């Protein structure tokens, strides 16, 4: 089974929803709501520490802090290596990960 390299539409929607929720949370706090209350009203669950880190980053970096910074595992491989691994796994479906 080959794992897709590109994010699905559903994954992109989740990412956009998460980013919109983060933006809304920061806006609420900037308008005077307590971080605790803003976190409770946020549609995306966030740990208390995450909220305070986000607020600190927004103070330091501005709007740039709201962008999603997580990456999938595929970024750990260079394109030529990734192509080779995909080709090898497709041509040898029974190969173990240790063999690859």
C-alpha atoms as a PDB file:
ATOM      1  CA  UNK A   1       0.000   0.000   0.000  1.00  0.00           C
ATOM      2  CA  UNK A   2       1.397   3.363  -1.020  1.00  0.00           C
ATOM      3  CA  UNK A   3       0.659   6.378   1.175  1.00  0.00           C
ATOM      4  CA  UNK A   4      -0.278   9.485  -0.826  1.00  0.00           C
ATOM      5  CA  UNK A   5       2.275  12.262  -0.802  1.00  0.00           C
ATOM      6  CA  UNK A   6      -0.185  15.084  -1.321  1.00  0.00           C
ATOM      7  CA  UNK A   7      -2.649  16.151   1.371  1.00  0.00           C
ATOM      8  CA  UNK A   8      -6.260  15.230   0.712  1.00  0.00           C
ATOM      9  CA  UNK A   9      -8.984  17.856   0.463  1.00  0.00           C
ATOM     10  CA  UNK A  10     -10.247  16.790   3.886  1.00  0.00           C
ATOM     11  CA  UNK A  11      -6.805  17.255   5.442  1.00  0.00           C
ATOM     12  CA  UNK A  12      -6.516  20.722   3.889  1.00  0.00           C
ATOM     13  CA  UNK A  13      -9.961  21.639   5.267  1.00  0.00           C
ATOM     14  CA  UNK A  14      -8.914  20.549   8.748  1.00  0.00           C
ATOM     15  CA  UNK A  15      -5.740  22.604   8.459  1.00  0.00           C
ATOM     16  CA  UNK A  16      -7.703  25.677   7.333  1.00  0.00           C
ATOM     17  CA  UNK A  17     -10.211  25.173  10.162  1.00  0.00           C
ATOM     18  CA  UNK A  18      -7.377  24.904  12.681  1.00  0.00           C
ATOM     19  CA  UNK A  19      -5.733  28.062  11.358  1.00  0.00           C
ATOM     20  CA  UNK A  20      -9.044  29.965  11.404  1.00  0.00           C
ATOM     21  CA  UNK A  21      -9.651  28.823  14.993  1.00  0.00           C
ATOM     22  CA  UNK A  22      -6.191  29.992  16.030  1.00  0.00           C
ATOM     23  CA  UNK A  23      -6.786  33.366  14.369  1.00  0.00           C
ATOM     24  CA  UNK A  24     -10.179  33.708  16.108  1.00  0.00           C
ATOM     25  CA  UNK A  25      -8.689  32.769  19.480  1.00  0.00           C
ATOM     26  CA  UNK A  26      -5.964  35.401  19.196  1.00  0.00           C
ATOM     27  CA  UNK A  27      -8.475  38.036  18.055  1.00  0.00           C
ATOM     28  CA  UNK A  28     -10.724  37.255  21.038  1.00  0.00           C
ATOM     29  CA  UNK A  29      -7.864  37.681  23.491  1.00  0.00           C
ATOM     30  CA  UNK A  30      -6.766  40.911  21.814  1.00  0.00           C
ATOM     31  CA  UNK A  31     -10.312  42.239  22.219  1.00  0.00           C
ATOM     32  CA  UNK A  32     -10.205  41.640  25.958  1.00  0.00           C
ATOM     33  CA  UNK A  33     -11.396  38.073  26.514  1.00  0.00           C
ATOM     34  CA  UNK A  34      -9.312  36.006  28.893  1.00  0.00           C
ATOM     35  CA  UNK A  35      -7.211  33.248  27.297  1.00  0.00           C
ATOM     36  CA  UNK A  36      -9.109  30.715  29.380  1.00  0.00           C
ATOM     37  CA  UNK A  37     -12.512  31.828  28.078  1.00  0.00           C
ATOM     38  CA  UNK A  38     -11.235  32.124  24.485  1.00  0.00           C
ATOM     39  CA  UNK A  39      -9.909  28.556  24.703  1.00  0.00           C
ATOM     40  CA  UNK A  40     -13.266  27.284  25.953  1.00  0.00           C
ATOM     41  CA  UNK A  41     -15.090  28.923  23.039  1.00  0.00           C
ATOM     42  CA  UNK A  42     -12.577  27.761  20.444  1.00  0.00           C
ATOM     43  CA  UNK A  43     -14.006  25.035  18.145  1.00  0.00           C
ATOM     44  CA  UNK A  44     -10.602  23.316  17.929  1.00  0.00           C
ATOM     45  CA  UNK A  45      -9.323  21.815  21.181  1.00  0.00           C
ATOM     46  CA  UNK A  46      -6.027  23.257  22.372  1.00  0.00           C
ATOM     47  CA  UNK A  47      -4.041  22.665  25.492  1.00  0.00           C
ATOM     48  CA  UNK A  48      -3.723  25.631  27.846  1.00  0.00           C
ATOM     49  CA  UNK A  49       0.041  25.789  27.318  1.00  0.00           C
ATOM     50  CA  UNK A  50      -0.442  25.798  23.539  1.00  0.00           C
ATOM     51  CA  UNK A  51      -2.719  28.831  23.800  1.00  0.00           C
ATOM     52  CA  UNK A  52      -0.185  30.800  25.827  1.00  0.00           C
ATOM     53  CA  UNK A  53       2.658  29.808  23.477  1.00  0.00           C
ATOM     54  CA  UNK A  54       0.571  30.918  20.505  1.00  0.00           C
ATOM     55  CA  UNK A  55      -0.176  34.282  22.137  1.00  0.00           C
ATOM     56  CA  UNK A  56       3.507  34.767  22.935  1.00  0.00           C
ATOM     57  CA  UNK A  57       4.504  33.935  19.349  1.00  0.00           C
ATOM     58  CA  UNK A  58       1.914  36.347  17.954  1.00  0.00           C
ATOM     59  CA  UNK A  59       3.350  39.137  20.114  1.00  0.00           C
ATOM     60  CA  UNK A  60       6.846  38.317  18.902  1.00  0.00           C
ATOM     61  CA  UNK A  61       6.223  37.432  15.219  1.00  0.00           C
ATOM     62  CA  UNK A  62       2.854  38.966  14.388  1.00  0.00           C
ATOM     63  CA  UNK A  63       0.545  37.332  11.823  1.00  0.00           C
ATOM     64  CA  UNK A  64       3.284  34.925  10.697  1.00  0.00           C
ATOM     65  CA  UNK A  65       2.890  32.998  13.966  1.00  0.00           C
ATOM     66  CA  UNK A  66      -0.592  31.829  12.938  1.00  0.00           C
ATOM     67  CA  UNK A  67       0.569  29.784   9.951  1.00  0.00           C
ATOM     68  CA  UNK A  68       0.675  26.019  10.292  1.00  0.00           C
ATOM     69  CA  UNK A  69       4.263  24.840  10.709  1.00  0.00           C
ATOM     70  CA  UNK A  70       3.814  21.117  10.910  1.00  0.00           C
ATOM     71  CA  UNK A  71       5.073  18.966   8.038  1.00  0.00           C
ATOM     72  CA  UNK A  72       4.358  15.437   6.959  1.00  0.00           C
ATOM     73  CA  UNK A  73       6.992  12.744   6.923  1.00  0.00           C
ATOM     74  CA  UNK A  74       7.552  13.091   3.197  1.00  0.00           C
ATOM     75  CA  UNK A  75       9.565  16.277   3.724  1.00  0.00           C
ATOM     76  CA  UNK A  76      12.230  14.181   5.411  1.00  0.00           C
ATOM     77  CA  UNK A  77      13.136  12.571   2.072  1.00  0.00           C
ATOM     78  CA  UNK A  78      14.686  14.266  -0.904  1.00  0.00           C
ATOM     79  CA  UNK A  79      12.638  13.969  -4.076  1.00  0.00           C
ATOM     80  CA  UNK A  80      15.005  11.523  -5.805  1.00  0.00           C
ATOM     81  CA  UNK A  81      15.122   9.229  -2.764  1.00  0.00           C
ATOM     82  CA  UNK A  82      11.347   9.390  -2.343  1.00  0.00           C
ATOM     83  CA  UNK A  83      10.880   8.450  -6.004  1.00  0.00           C
ATOM     84  CA  UNK A  84      13.226   5.493  -5.606  1.00  0.00           C
ATOM     85  CA  UNK A  85      11.456   4.271  -2.446  1.00  0.00           C
ATOM     86  CA  UNK A  86       8.036   4.524  -4.095  1.00  0.00           C
ATOM     87  CA  UNK A  87       9.239   2.689  -7.214  1.00  0.00           C
ATOM     88  CA  UNK A  88      10.910  -0.029  -5.151  1.00  0.00           C
ATOM     89  CA  UNK A  89       7.862  -0.562  -2.924  1.00  0.00           C
ATOM     90  CA  UNK A  90       5.537  -0.732  -5.928  1.00  0.00           C
ATOM     91  CA  UNK A  91       7.732  -3.268  -7.734  1.00  0.00           C
ATOM     92  CA  UNK A  92       8.370  -5.326  -4.545  1.00  0.00           C
ATOM     93  CA  UNK A  93       5.064  -5.294  -2.632  1.00  0.00           C
ATOM     94  CA  UNK A  94       6.180  -7.973  -0.174  1.00  0.00           C
ATOM     95  CA  UNK A  95       9.423  -6.170   0.792  1.00  0.00           C
ATOM     96  CA  UNK A  96       9.849  -5.455   4.485  1.00  0.00           C
ATOM     97  CA  UNK A  97      10.843  -2.014   5.740  1.00  0.00           C
ATOM     98  CA  UNK A  98      14.183  -3.422   6.914  1.00  0.00           C
ATOM     99  CA  UNK A  99      14.849  -4.676   3.393  1.00  0.00           C
ATOM    100  CA  UNK A 100      14.012  -1.315   1.849  1.00  0.00           C
END
